[in-house]
N, C-alpha and C. Protein backbone atom coordinates (compact mmCIF):
# COMPACT_ATOMS: atom_id res chain seq x y z
N MET A 1 62.38 85.60 80.99
CA MET A 1 61.83 86.69 81.80
C MET A 1 62.91 87.76 82.02
N ARG A 2 62.51 89.02 81.92
CA ARG A 2 63.47 90.11 82.06
C ARG A 2 64.00 90.20 83.49
N PRO A 3 65.31 90.43 83.66
CA PRO A 3 65.84 90.65 85.00
C PRO A 3 65.17 91.87 85.65
N HIS A 4 64.89 91.77 86.92
CA HIS A 4 64.22 92.83 87.66
C HIS A 4 65.23 93.51 88.57
N ILE A 5 65.40 94.81 88.41
CA ILE A 5 66.38 95.58 89.17
C ILE A 5 65.67 96.61 90.04
N ALA A 6 66.06 96.68 91.31
CA ALA A 6 65.55 97.70 92.22
C ALA A 6 66.58 98.80 92.37
N VAL A 7 66.17 100.05 92.23
CA VAL A 7 67.03 101.22 92.42
C VAL A 7 66.54 101.97 93.65
N ILE A 8 67.38 102.05 94.68
CA ILE A 8 67.02 102.73 95.93
C ILE A 8 67.95 103.92 96.10
N ASP A 9 67.43 105.12 95.86
CA ASP A 9 68.26 106.33 95.87
C ASP A 9 67.35 107.53 96.07
N ASP A 10 67.76 108.47 96.92
CA ASP A 10 66.93 109.65 97.17
C ASP A 10 67.19 110.77 96.17
N ASP A 11 68.17 110.60 95.30
CA ASP A 11 68.48 111.60 94.28
C ASP A 11 67.57 111.36 93.07
N GLU A 12 66.59 112.25 92.87
CA GLU A 12 65.60 112.04 91.81
C GLU A 12 66.23 112.03 90.43
N LYS A 13 67.26 112.85 90.22
CA LYS A 13 67.90 112.89 88.91
C LYS A 13 68.60 111.58 88.58
N ILE A 14 69.31 111.03 89.58
CA ILE A 14 70.00 109.75 89.36
C ILE A 14 68.99 108.64 89.16
N THR A 15 67.93 108.64 89.97
CA THR A 15 66.90 107.61 89.84
C THR A 15 66.26 107.64 88.46
N ALA A 16 65.94 108.85 87.98
CA ALA A 16 65.33 108.99 86.66
C ALA A 16 66.28 108.52 85.56
N LEU A 17 67.56 108.89 85.69
CA LEU A 17 68.56 108.47 84.71
C LEU A 17 68.66 106.95 84.66
N LEU A 18 68.74 106.33 85.84
CA LEU A 18 68.89 104.88 85.88
C LEU A 18 67.62 104.18 85.39
N ARG A 19 66.48 104.73 85.74
CA ARG A 19 65.23 104.12 85.27
C ARG A 19 65.19 104.10 83.73
N ARG A 20 65.50 105.25 83.11
CA ARG A 20 65.47 105.32 81.64
C ARG A 20 66.52 104.40 81.02
N SER A 21 67.72 104.46 81.55
CA SER A 21 68.83 103.72 80.95
C SER A 21 68.66 102.22 81.10
N LEU A 22 68.25 101.79 82.28
CA LEU A 22 68.08 100.35 82.52
C LEU A 22 66.88 99.80 81.75
N ALA A 23 65.81 100.59 81.68
CA ALA A 23 64.64 100.17 80.92
C ALA A 23 64.98 100.05 79.43
N PHE A 24 65.81 100.97 78.95
CA PHE A 24 66.22 100.93 77.55
C PHE A 24 67.00 99.65 77.24
N GLU A 25 67.73 99.15 78.24
CA GLU A 25 68.50 97.91 78.07
C GLU A 25 67.64 96.67 78.25
N GLY A 26 66.36 96.88 78.57
CA GLY A 26 65.45 95.74 78.65
C GLY A 26 65.17 95.22 80.04
N TYR A 27 65.63 95.93 81.08
CA TYR A 27 65.41 95.47 82.45
C TYR A 27 64.07 95.99 82.99
N GLU A 28 63.48 95.22 83.89
CA GLU A 28 62.31 95.68 84.63
C GLU A 28 62.80 96.46 85.84
N ILE A 29 62.22 97.62 86.12
CA ILE A 29 62.74 98.52 87.15
C ILE A 29 61.70 98.79 88.23
N THR A 30 62.17 98.76 89.48
CA THR A 30 61.40 99.23 90.63
C THR A 30 62.26 100.25 91.35
N THR A 31 61.68 101.37 91.78
CA THR A 31 62.47 102.39 92.49
C THR A 31 61.88 102.67 93.86
N ALA A 32 62.74 103.19 94.73
CA ALA A 32 62.32 103.63 96.06
C ALA A 32 63.15 104.84 96.44
N PRO A 33 62.54 105.87 97.10
CA PRO A 33 63.22 107.13 97.36
C PRO A 33 64.06 107.15 98.64
N ASP A 34 63.97 106.11 99.46
CA ASP A 34 64.76 106.07 100.70
C ASP A 34 64.90 104.63 101.16
N GLY A 35 65.75 104.43 102.17
CA GLY A 35 66.04 103.08 102.62
C GLY A 35 64.84 102.35 103.20
N ALA A 36 64.05 103.05 104.00
CA ALA A 36 62.89 102.42 104.64
C ALA A 36 61.90 101.92 103.59
N GLU A 37 61.61 102.77 102.59
CA GLU A 37 60.70 102.37 101.53
C GLU A 37 61.30 101.24 100.69
N GLY A 38 62.62 101.31 100.51
CA GLY A 38 63.29 100.25 99.77
C GLY A 38 63.14 98.90 100.43
N LEU A 39 63.30 98.85 101.74
CA LEU A 39 63.12 97.60 102.47
C LEU A 39 61.70 97.08 102.34
N ARG A 40 60.74 97.99 102.40
CA ARG A 40 59.34 97.57 102.28
C ARG A 40 59.09 96.95 100.90
N VAL A 41 59.60 97.60 99.87
CA VAL A 41 59.40 97.11 98.51
C VAL A 41 60.07 95.75 98.32
N LEU A 42 61.29 95.62 98.82
CA LEU A 42 62.03 94.38 98.63
C LEU A 42 61.46 93.23 99.46
N GLY A 43 60.72 93.58 100.49
CA GLY A 43 60.06 92.55 101.28
C GLY A 43 58.84 91.99 100.60
N GLN A 44 58.37 92.67 99.54
CA GLN A 44 57.16 92.25 98.85
C GLN A 44 57.43 91.51 97.55
N ARG A 45 58.60 91.76 96.96
CA ARG A 45 58.88 91.13 95.67
C ARG A 45 60.36 90.84 95.52
N GLN A 46 60.68 89.68 95.00
CA GLN A 46 62.06 89.29 94.77
C GLN A 46 62.60 90.01 93.54
N VAL A 47 63.84 90.49 93.63
CA VAL A 47 64.48 91.13 92.48
C VAL A 47 65.80 90.44 92.20
N ASP A 48 66.34 90.71 91.01
CA ASP A 48 67.58 90.05 90.60
C ASP A 48 68.83 90.85 90.95
N LEU A 49 68.65 92.16 91.21
CA LEU A 49 69.78 93.02 91.53
C LEU A 49 69.26 94.26 92.24
N ILE A 50 70.04 94.75 93.21
CA ILE A 50 69.67 95.94 93.96
C ILE A 50 70.78 96.99 93.79
N ILE A 51 70.42 98.16 93.26
CA ILE A 51 71.35 99.29 93.18
C ILE A 51 71.00 100.20 94.35
N LEU A 52 71.93 100.38 95.26
CA LEU A 52 71.62 100.98 96.56
C LEU A 52 72.55 102.14 96.87
N ASP A 53 71.95 103.32 97.05
CA ASP A 53 72.73 104.49 97.45
C ASP A 53 73.09 104.38 98.93
N VAL A 54 74.26 104.87 99.30
CA VAL A 54 74.68 104.79 100.69
C VAL A 54 74.08 105.92 101.52
N MET A 55 74.22 107.15 101.08
CA MET A 55 73.78 108.30 101.87
C MET A 55 72.34 108.65 101.54
N MET A 56 71.40 108.22 102.41
CA MET A 56 69.97 108.48 102.20
C MET A 56 69.32 108.86 103.53
N PRO A 57 68.21 109.59 103.48
CA PRO A 57 67.49 109.92 104.71
C PRO A 57 66.77 108.70 105.27
N LYS A 58 66.39 108.78 106.52
CA LYS A 58 65.63 107.76 107.24
C LYS A 58 66.45 106.50 107.53
N MET A 59 67.14 105.98 106.53
CA MET A 59 67.95 104.79 106.72
C MET A 59 69.02 104.75 105.63
N ASP A 60 70.29 104.70 106.02
CA ASP A 60 71.34 104.73 105.00
C ASP A 60 71.50 103.35 104.35
N GLY A 61 72.27 103.34 103.25
CA GLY A 61 72.43 102.12 102.48
C GLY A 61 73.12 101.00 103.24
N TRP A 62 74.03 101.35 104.14
CA TRP A 62 74.70 100.31 104.94
C TRP A 62 73.69 99.55 105.79
N GLU A 63 72.79 100.30 106.44
CA GLU A 63 71.79 99.67 107.28
C GLU A 63 70.81 98.84 106.44
N VAL A 64 70.44 99.37 105.28
CA VAL A 64 69.56 98.61 104.39
C VAL A 64 70.21 97.29 104.00
N CYS A 65 71.49 97.36 103.62
CA CYS A 65 72.21 96.16 103.21
C CYS A 65 72.28 95.15 104.35
N ARG A 66 72.57 95.64 105.55
CA ARG A 66 72.65 94.74 106.71
C ARG A 66 71.32 94.04 106.95
N ARG A 67 70.23 94.79 106.89
CA ARG A 67 68.91 94.20 107.13
C ARG A 67 68.50 93.23 106.03
N LEU A 68 68.88 93.53 104.79
CA LEU A 68 68.58 92.61 103.70
C LEU A 68 69.22 91.25 103.93
N ARG A 69 70.51 91.28 104.29
CA ARG A 69 71.22 90.02 104.48
C ARG A 69 70.70 89.28 105.71
N GLU A 70 70.36 90.01 106.77
CA GLU A 70 69.79 89.37 107.95
C GLU A 70 68.45 88.72 107.63
N ALA A 71 67.71 89.30 106.68
CA ALA A 71 66.41 88.76 106.29
C ALA A 71 66.54 87.61 105.30
N GLY A 72 67.76 87.28 104.92
CA GLY A 72 67.97 86.18 103.99
C GLY A 72 67.82 86.55 102.52
N ILE A 73 67.77 87.84 102.21
CA ILE A 73 67.68 88.28 100.81
C ILE A 73 69.09 88.29 100.23
N THR A 74 69.33 87.45 99.24
CA THR A 74 70.68 87.25 98.71
C THR A 74 70.91 87.91 97.35
N SER A 75 69.95 88.68 96.87
CA SER A 75 70.13 89.37 95.59
C SER A 75 71.40 90.22 95.62
N PRO A 76 72.17 90.23 94.52
CA PRO A 76 73.39 91.04 94.50
C PRO A 76 73.08 92.52 94.78
N VAL A 77 73.99 93.16 95.53
CA VAL A 77 73.83 94.58 95.87
C VAL A 77 75.01 95.37 95.31
N LEU A 78 74.70 96.38 94.51
CA LEU A 78 75.70 97.33 94.01
C LEU A 78 75.52 98.64 94.76
N LEU A 79 76.51 99.00 95.57
CA LEU A 79 76.44 100.23 96.35
C LEU A 79 76.90 101.42 95.53
N LEU A 80 76.16 102.53 95.62
CA LEU A 80 76.58 103.80 95.04
C LEU A 80 77.00 104.71 96.20
N THR A 81 78.23 105.15 96.20
CA THR A 81 78.71 105.93 97.32
C THR A 81 79.49 107.14 96.86
N ALA A 82 79.33 108.24 97.57
CA ALA A 82 80.10 109.45 97.28
C ALA A 82 81.44 109.40 97.99
N LYS A 83 81.63 108.41 98.86
CA LYS A 83 82.86 108.29 99.63
C LYS A 83 83.78 107.26 98.99
N ASP A 84 85.04 107.63 98.81
CA ASP A 84 86.00 106.73 98.19
C ASP A 84 87.05 106.25 99.18
N GLU A 85 86.73 106.37 100.49
CA GLU A 85 87.66 105.90 101.51
C GLU A 85 87.64 104.38 101.57
N VAL A 86 88.81 103.77 101.76
CA VAL A 86 88.89 102.31 101.84
C VAL A 86 88.00 101.78 102.95
N SER A 87 87.98 102.46 104.10
CA SER A 87 87.18 101.99 105.23
C SER A 87 85.70 101.93 104.89
N ASP A 88 85.22 102.90 104.09
CA ASP A 88 83.81 102.90 103.70
C ASP A 88 83.51 101.77 102.74
N ARG A 89 84.44 101.50 101.82
CA ARG A 89 84.23 100.40 100.89
C ARG A 89 84.24 99.07 101.63
N VAL A 90 85.18 98.92 102.54
CA VAL A 90 85.26 97.68 103.32
C VAL A 90 83.99 97.48 104.14
N LYS A 91 83.49 98.55 104.73
CA LYS A 91 82.27 98.45 105.54
C LYS A 91 81.11 97.92 104.70
N GLY A 92 80.94 98.47 103.51
CA GLY A 92 79.85 98.01 102.65
C GLY A 92 80.00 96.55 102.26
N LEU A 93 81.23 96.15 101.89
CA LEU A 93 81.46 94.76 101.51
C LEU A 93 81.26 93.82 102.68
N ASP A 94 81.69 94.25 103.85
CA ASP A 94 81.56 93.41 105.04
C ASP A 94 80.10 93.23 105.44
N LEU A 95 79.26 94.19 105.10
CA LEU A 95 77.84 94.08 105.42
C LEU A 95 77.07 93.25 104.39
N GLY A 96 77.76 92.81 103.34
CA GLY A 96 77.13 91.92 102.38
C GLY A 96 76.95 92.46 100.99
N ALA A 97 77.44 93.69 100.72
CA ALA A 97 77.35 94.21 99.36
C ALA A 97 78.29 93.41 98.45
N ASP A 98 77.95 93.36 97.16
CA ASP A 98 78.75 92.59 96.22
C ASP A 98 79.72 93.45 95.42
N ASP A 99 79.41 94.72 95.27
CA ASP A 99 80.27 95.61 94.50
C ASP A 99 79.93 97.04 94.89
N TYR A 100 80.76 97.98 94.48
CA TYR A 100 80.51 99.38 94.78
C TYR A 100 80.99 100.24 93.63
N LEU A 101 80.37 101.41 93.51
CA LEU A 101 80.73 102.36 92.46
C LEU A 101 80.70 103.75 93.09
N VAL A 102 81.76 104.51 92.86
CA VAL A 102 81.89 105.83 93.47
C VAL A 102 81.24 106.88 92.58
N LYS A 103 80.43 107.74 93.21
CA LYS A 103 79.84 108.88 92.50
C LYS A 103 80.86 110.01 92.38
N PRO A 104 80.82 110.76 91.28
CA PRO A 104 80.02 110.56 90.07
C PRO A 104 80.59 109.40 89.25
N PHE A 105 79.74 108.65 88.60
CA PHE A 105 80.17 107.48 87.86
C PHE A 105 79.80 107.63 86.38
N ALA A 106 80.51 106.89 85.55
CA ALA A 106 80.17 106.84 84.12
C ALA A 106 79.06 105.82 83.94
N LEU A 107 78.02 106.20 83.20
CA LEU A 107 76.89 105.31 83.00
C LEU A 107 77.33 103.98 82.37
N GLU A 108 78.32 104.05 81.47
CA GLU A 108 78.79 102.84 80.81
C GLU A 108 79.39 101.87 81.83
N GLU A 109 80.11 102.41 82.83
CA GLU A 109 80.69 101.53 83.84
C GLU A 109 79.62 100.90 84.71
N LEU A 110 78.61 101.70 85.08
CA LEU A 110 77.53 101.14 85.88
C LEU A 110 76.84 100.01 85.13
N MET A 111 76.58 100.19 83.84
CA MET A 111 75.94 99.15 83.06
C MET A 111 76.81 97.89 83.00
N ALA A 112 78.12 98.07 82.91
CA ALA A 112 79.02 96.92 82.89
C ALA A 112 78.96 96.17 84.22
N ARG A 113 78.92 96.93 85.33
CA ARG A 113 78.81 96.29 86.65
C ARG A 113 77.49 95.54 86.78
N VAL A 114 76.40 96.14 86.28
CA VAL A 114 75.09 95.48 86.33
C VAL A 114 75.13 94.16 85.57
N ARG A 115 75.66 94.20 84.36
CA ARG A 115 75.74 92.96 83.57
C ARG A 115 76.59 91.90 84.25
N ALA A 116 77.69 92.34 84.86
CA ALA A 116 78.58 91.40 85.54
C ALA A 116 77.89 90.74 86.73
N LEU A 117 77.21 91.54 87.53
CA LEU A 117 76.54 91.00 88.71
C LEU A 117 75.39 90.07 88.32
N LEU A 118 74.67 90.40 87.27
CA LEU A 118 73.58 89.54 86.82
C LEU A 118 74.11 88.22 86.25
N ARG A 119 75.30 88.26 85.63
CA ARG A 119 75.90 87.02 85.11
C ARG A 119 76.27 86.08 86.23
N ARG A 120 76.57 86.66 87.41
CA ARG A 120 77.03 85.84 88.52
C ARG A 120 75.90 85.41 89.44
N ARG A 121 74.65 85.59 89.03
CA ARG A 121 73.54 85.10 89.85
C ARG A 121 73.68 83.61 90.02
N PRO A 122 73.34 83.09 91.22
CA PRO A 122 73.44 81.65 91.42
C PRO A 122 72.59 80.90 90.40
N ASP A 123 73.18 79.89 89.80
CA ASP A 123 72.49 79.05 88.82
C ASP A 123 71.81 77.92 89.55
N LYS A 124 70.50 77.82 89.43
CA LYS A 124 69.76 76.81 90.16
C LYS A 124 70.10 75.40 89.67
N THR A 125 70.72 75.28 88.49
CA THR A 125 71.11 73.96 88.01
C THR A 125 72.57 73.65 88.33
N GLU A 126 73.21 74.57 89.06
CA GLU A 126 74.61 74.40 89.41
C GLU A 126 74.80 73.14 90.23
N GLU A 127 75.92 72.44 89.99
CA GLU A 127 76.25 71.25 90.76
C GLU A 127 76.24 71.59 92.24
N SER A 128 75.57 70.77 93.01
CA SER A 128 75.48 71.00 94.44
C SER A 128 76.17 69.88 95.18
N GLY A 129 76.31 70.03 96.48
CA GLY A 129 76.93 68.98 97.27
C GLY A 129 77.80 69.58 98.35
N HIS A 130 78.73 68.75 98.82
CA HIS A 130 79.63 69.14 99.89
C HIS A 130 81.08 69.13 99.39
N PHE A 131 81.84 70.11 99.84
CA PHE A 131 83.26 70.17 99.54
C PHE A 131 84.02 70.17 100.87
N ARG A 132 85.06 69.37 100.97
CA ARG A 132 85.86 69.32 102.20
C ARG A 132 87.33 69.47 101.86
N TYR A 133 88.02 70.29 102.65
CA TYR A 133 89.47 70.40 102.55
C TYR A 133 90.01 70.52 103.97
N GLU A 134 90.79 69.52 104.37
CA GLU A 134 91.27 69.41 105.74
C GLU A 134 90.08 69.53 106.70
N ASP A 135 90.08 70.53 107.61
CA ASP A 135 88.97 70.62 108.56
C ASP A 135 87.90 71.61 108.11
N LEU A 136 87.95 72.01 106.83
CA LEU A 136 87.01 72.99 106.30
C LEU A 136 85.95 72.28 105.46
N LEU A 137 84.67 72.52 105.78
CA LEU A 137 83.56 71.89 105.07
C LEU A 137 82.66 72.96 104.49
N LEU A 138 82.31 72.81 103.21
CA LEU A 138 81.41 73.74 102.53
C LEU A 138 80.18 72.97 102.06
N ASP A 139 79.01 73.35 102.55
CA ASP A 139 77.75 72.75 102.16
C ASP A 139 77.08 73.69 101.16
N VAL A 140 77.13 73.33 99.87
CA VAL A 140 76.62 74.21 98.83
C VAL A 140 75.10 74.30 98.90
N ASP A 141 74.44 73.16 99.16
CA ASP A 141 72.97 73.16 99.24
C ASP A 141 72.48 74.08 100.34
N GLY A 142 73.06 73.95 101.53
CA GLY A 142 72.62 74.73 102.68
C GLY A 142 73.32 76.06 102.82
N ARG A 143 74.29 76.34 101.92
CA ARG A 143 75.07 77.58 101.99
C ARG A 143 75.67 77.75 103.38
N GLU A 144 76.26 76.67 103.90
CA GLU A 144 76.85 76.70 105.23
C GLU A 144 78.33 76.35 105.15
N THR A 145 79.09 76.90 106.09
CA THR A 145 80.53 76.66 106.15
C THR A 145 80.90 76.27 107.57
N LEU A 146 81.72 75.22 107.70
CA LEU A 146 82.19 74.76 109.00
C LEU A 146 83.70 74.65 108.99
N ARG A 147 84.33 75.09 110.06
CA ARG A 147 85.75 74.86 110.27
C ARG A 147 85.85 74.01 111.53
N GLY A 148 86.02 72.72 111.35
CA GLY A 148 85.88 71.80 112.48
C GLY A 148 84.41 71.78 112.89
N ASP A 149 84.16 72.09 114.17
CA ASP A 149 82.79 72.17 114.67
C ASP A 149 82.27 73.60 114.69
N ARG A 150 83.08 74.54 114.25
CA ARG A 150 82.70 75.95 114.31
C ARG A 150 82.01 76.39 113.03
N ARG A 151 80.81 76.93 113.18
CA ARG A 151 80.05 77.44 112.03
C ARG A 151 80.53 78.85 111.70
N ILE A 152 80.74 79.10 110.41
CA ILE A 152 81.25 80.39 109.96
C ILE A 152 80.19 81.08 109.11
N ASP A 153 79.83 82.29 109.48
CA ASP A 153 78.84 83.05 108.73
C ASP A 153 79.55 83.86 107.64
N LEU A 154 79.24 83.56 106.39
CA LEU A 154 79.85 84.23 105.25
C LEU A 154 78.79 85.01 104.47
N THR A 155 79.21 86.13 103.90
CA THR A 155 78.34 86.84 102.98
C THR A 155 78.23 86.02 101.70
N ALA A 156 77.29 86.37 100.84
CA ALA A 156 77.09 85.63 99.60
C ALA A 156 78.35 85.63 98.74
N LYS A 157 79.01 86.76 98.66
CA LYS A 157 80.21 86.84 97.82
C LYS A 157 81.38 86.10 98.45
N GLU A 158 81.51 86.16 99.77
CA GLU A 158 82.56 85.39 100.45
C GLU A 158 82.36 83.89 100.22
N PHE A 159 81.10 83.45 100.30
CA PHE A 159 80.79 82.04 100.07
C PHE A 159 81.18 81.63 98.65
N ASP A 160 80.83 82.45 97.67
CA ASP A 160 81.16 82.14 96.28
C ASP A 160 82.67 82.06 96.08
N LEU A 161 83.40 82.96 96.72
CA LEU A 161 84.86 82.96 96.61
C LEU A 161 85.44 81.70 97.22
N LEU A 162 84.98 81.33 98.41
CA LEU A 162 85.47 80.12 99.05
C LEU A 162 85.08 78.88 98.23
N HIS A 163 83.87 78.88 97.67
CA HIS A 163 83.43 77.77 96.82
C HIS A 163 84.40 77.57 95.65
N LEU A 164 84.83 78.67 95.04
CA LEU A 164 85.78 78.57 93.94
C LEU A 164 87.09 77.95 94.40
N PHE A 165 87.59 78.36 95.55
CA PHE A 165 88.82 77.76 96.09
C PHE A 165 88.63 76.27 96.38
N MET A 166 87.47 75.93 96.98
CA MET A 166 87.23 74.53 97.35
C MET A 166 87.07 73.64 96.12
N GLN A 167 86.62 74.21 95.01
CA GLN A 167 86.52 73.45 93.77
C GLN A 167 87.88 73.23 93.12
N ASN A 168 88.88 74.01 93.55
CA ASN A 168 90.21 73.95 92.93
C ASN A 168 91.32 73.87 93.98
N PRO A 169 91.28 72.88 94.87
CA PRO A 169 92.29 72.80 95.93
C PRO A 169 93.69 72.60 95.34
N LYS A 170 94.66 73.29 95.95
CA LYS A 170 96.07 73.20 95.58
C LYS A 170 96.37 73.73 94.18
N ARG A 171 95.37 74.38 93.56
CA ARG A 171 95.58 74.98 92.25
C ARG A 171 95.71 76.49 92.42
N VAL A 172 96.77 77.07 91.89
CA VAL A 172 96.94 78.52 91.97
C VAL A 172 95.96 79.19 91.02
N LEU A 173 95.12 80.07 91.59
CA LEU A 173 94.12 80.79 90.81
C LEU A 173 94.60 82.23 90.61
N SER A 174 94.69 82.65 89.38
CA SER A 174 95.15 84.01 89.11
C SER A 174 94.09 85.02 89.50
N ARG A 175 94.51 86.25 89.70
CA ARG A 175 93.56 87.32 90.01
C ARG A 175 92.57 87.51 88.87
N ASP A 176 93.05 87.42 87.63
CA ASP A 176 92.16 87.58 86.48
C ASP A 176 91.07 86.52 86.49
N LEU A 177 91.45 85.28 86.75
CA LEU A 177 90.48 84.18 86.74
C LEU A 177 89.45 84.38 87.85
N ILE A 178 89.92 84.73 89.05
CA ILE A 178 88.99 84.90 90.18
C ILE A 178 88.02 86.03 89.91
N MET A 179 88.53 87.16 89.41
CA MET A 179 87.65 88.30 89.15
C MET A 179 86.61 87.95 88.09
N GLU A 180 87.01 87.22 87.07
CA GLU A 180 86.07 86.86 86.02
C GLU A 180 85.02 85.87 86.54
N ARG A 181 85.45 84.89 87.34
CA ARG A 181 84.53 83.86 87.82
C ARG A 181 83.59 84.39 88.90
N ILE A 182 84.08 85.27 89.76
CA ILE A 182 83.27 85.72 90.90
C ILE A 182 82.59 87.05 90.62
N TRP A 183 83.30 87.99 90.00
CA TRP A 183 82.71 89.31 89.75
C TRP A 183 82.24 89.49 88.31
N GLY A 184 82.77 88.68 87.42
CA GLY A 184 82.28 88.69 86.06
C GLY A 184 82.85 89.78 85.17
N TYR A 185 83.89 90.46 85.63
CA TYR A 185 84.54 91.45 84.76
C TYR A 185 86.03 91.36 84.96
N ASP A 186 86.77 91.86 83.99
CA ASP A 186 88.22 91.73 84.02
C ASP A 186 88.81 92.48 85.20
N TYR A 187 89.81 91.86 85.82
CA TYR A 187 90.47 92.47 86.98
C TYR A 187 91.22 93.72 86.57
N SER A 188 91.11 94.76 87.38
CA SER A 188 91.86 96.00 87.15
C SER A 188 92.88 96.15 88.26
N GLY A 189 94.10 96.47 87.90
CA GLY A 189 95.15 96.61 88.90
C GLY A 189 94.89 97.75 89.86
N GLU A 190 93.97 98.65 89.52
CA GLU A 190 93.66 99.77 90.40
C GLU A 190 92.59 99.42 91.43
N SER A 191 92.00 98.22 91.31
CA SER A 191 90.94 97.81 92.23
C SER A 191 91.49 96.84 93.25
N ASN A 192 91.13 97.04 94.52
CA ASN A 192 91.60 96.12 95.55
C ASN A 192 90.45 95.30 96.13
N VAL A 193 89.34 95.18 95.38
CA VAL A 193 88.19 94.47 95.91
C VAL A 193 88.53 93.02 96.21
N LEU A 194 89.34 92.37 95.37
CA LEU A 194 89.69 90.97 95.60
C LEU A 194 90.53 90.83 96.88
N GLU A 195 91.50 91.72 97.05
CA GLU A 195 92.34 91.65 98.24
C GLU A 195 91.51 91.86 99.50
N VAL A 196 90.54 92.77 99.44
CA VAL A 196 89.67 93.03 100.58
C VAL A 196 88.88 91.77 100.94
N TYR A 197 88.34 91.10 99.94
CA TYR A 197 87.53 89.91 100.20
C TYR A 197 88.38 88.76 100.72
N VAL A 198 89.57 88.58 100.18
CA VAL A 198 90.45 87.53 100.66
C VAL A 198 90.81 87.77 102.13
N ALA A 199 91.09 89.04 102.47
CA ALA A 199 91.43 89.37 103.86
C ALA A 199 90.25 89.09 104.78
N MET A 200 89.04 89.46 104.38
CA MET A 200 87.86 89.22 105.21
C MET A 200 87.60 87.72 105.36
N LEU A 201 87.78 86.96 104.27
CA LEU A 201 87.56 85.52 104.31
C LEU A 201 88.59 84.85 105.22
N ARG A 202 89.84 85.26 105.11
CA ARG A 202 90.87 84.71 105.99
C ARG A 202 90.55 84.99 107.46
N GLN A 203 90.13 86.21 107.74
CA GLN A 203 89.82 86.58 109.13
C GLN A 203 88.76 85.66 109.71
N LYS A 204 87.73 85.36 108.93
CA LYS A 204 86.65 84.51 109.43
C LYS A 204 87.10 83.06 109.56
N LEU A 205 87.90 82.59 108.60
CA LEU A 205 88.35 81.20 108.64
C LEU A 205 89.36 80.95 109.76
N GLU A 206 90.07 82.00 110.17
CA GLU A 206 91.13 81.85 111.16
C GLU A 206 90.76 82.48 112.49
N GLU A 207 89.47 82.77 112.68
CA GLU A 207 89.02 83.52 113.86
C GLU A 207 89.37 82.85 115.17
N SER A 208 89.40 81.52 115.21
CA SER A 208 89.70 80.80 116.46
C SER A 208 91.13 80.28 116.48
N GLY A 209 91.99 80.88 115.70
CA GLY A 209 93.40 80.52 115.72
C GLY A 209 93.77 79.39 114.78
N GLU A 210 92.86 79.02 113.88
CA GLU A 210 93.17 77.94 112.95
C GLU A 210 94.27 78.38 111.97
N LYS A 211 94.95 77.40 111.39
CA LYS A 211 96.03 77.72 110.46
C LYS A 211 95.47 78.27 109.16
N ARG A 212 96.29 79.00 108.45
CA ARG A 212 95.87 79.62 107.20
C ARG A 212 95.75 78.58 106.10
N LEU A 213 94.65 78.63 105.34
CA LEU A 213 94.44 77.73 104.22
C LEU A 213 94.50 78.45 102.87
N ILE A 214 94.16 79.74 102.85
CA ILE A 214 94.22 80.49 101.59
C ILE A 214 95.55 81.23 101.55
N GLN A 215 96.44 80.76 100.69
CA GLN A 215 97.79 81.30 100.62
C GLN A 215 97.93 82.27 99.45
N THR A 216 98.77 83.28 99.64
CA THR A 216 99.11 84.20 98.56
C THR A 216 100.32 83.67 97.82
N VAL A 217 100.23 83.59 96.51
CA VAL A 217 101.37 83.22 95.68
C VAL A 217 101.82 84.49 94.97
N ARG A 218 102.90 85.05 95.44
CA ARG A 218 103.33 86.36 94.97
C ARG A 218 103.49 86.38 93.45
N GLY A 219 102.82 87.36 92.83
CA GLY A 219 102.91 87.53 91.39
C GLY A 219 102.06 86.57 90.59
N ALA A 220 101.33 85.67 91.28
CA ALA A 220 100.54 84.67 90.55
C ALA A 220 99.07 84.66 90.95
N GLY A 221 98.78 84.80 92.26
CA GLY A 221 97.38 84.78 92.69
C GLY A 221 97.24 84.16 94.07
N TYR A 222 96.24 83.28 94.21
CA TYR A 222 95.95 82.64 95.50
C TYR A 222 95.75 81.15 95.30
N VAL A 223 95.96 80.40 96.40
CA VAL A 223 95.79 78.95 96.34
C VAL A 223 95.25 78.44 97.67
N LEU A 224 94.34 77.47 97.62
CA LEU A 224 93.87 76.78 98.82
C LEU A 224 94.84 75.66 99.10
N LYS A 225 95.63 75.84 100.17
CA LYS A 225 96.71 74.90 100.45
C LYS A 225 97.01 74.96 101.94
N GLY A 226 97.22 73.81 102.53
CA GLY A 226 97.39 73.74 103.98
C GLY A 226 98.72 74.24 104.49
N ASP A 227 99.73 74.28 103.65
CA ASP A 227 101.05 74.71 104.11
C ASP A 227 101.01 76.19 104.45
N SER A 228 101.59 76.58 105.58
CA SER A 228 101.63 77.98 105.98
C SER A 228 102.88 78.65 105.47
């Protein structure tokens, strides 16, 4: 079955371009001209990927993303934003977006991001179960995380990142490996998306003063290790 992609953008030219280009690549396309209509459409049919503009009338992309995640919709979200400020990118990621692309963008790069996000869709045949490291528990079936008795709410991408660490305790994971496994494309030294996610994950894991478990190995990557 063809992957189904929703494009939510009030720019008719961009929407038309994406509709033609994505359809040419074999994807099924649904479009919406604003955030409110986008939420209505997504509430009626499941899609495999959401391309979401940030600056829209009636409801901006950040609010749409927040409501999607609150409603339990876990489809990957690619944000299109005219703002290249770090704070804006962090805001989108923190609200549950999986990736972002700054306008104006090259169509080839957008297509690469689409392919990468679709490759990282959860595999229903993926090994499930529980992972434990020290006082940290990851329930893959229930998509739940516990630090001791404290429940931690993670975005879909944060959960996937922590899952990768929990599958490889005490093993140093390079930036290239993490980017390929979680984002599905080669790591670029100009991108700080991995560092942003690690920082957000650490903040949530250490919110009640717990010791750090995700360590930085300078020049090598990151490791799940209890030593501070």
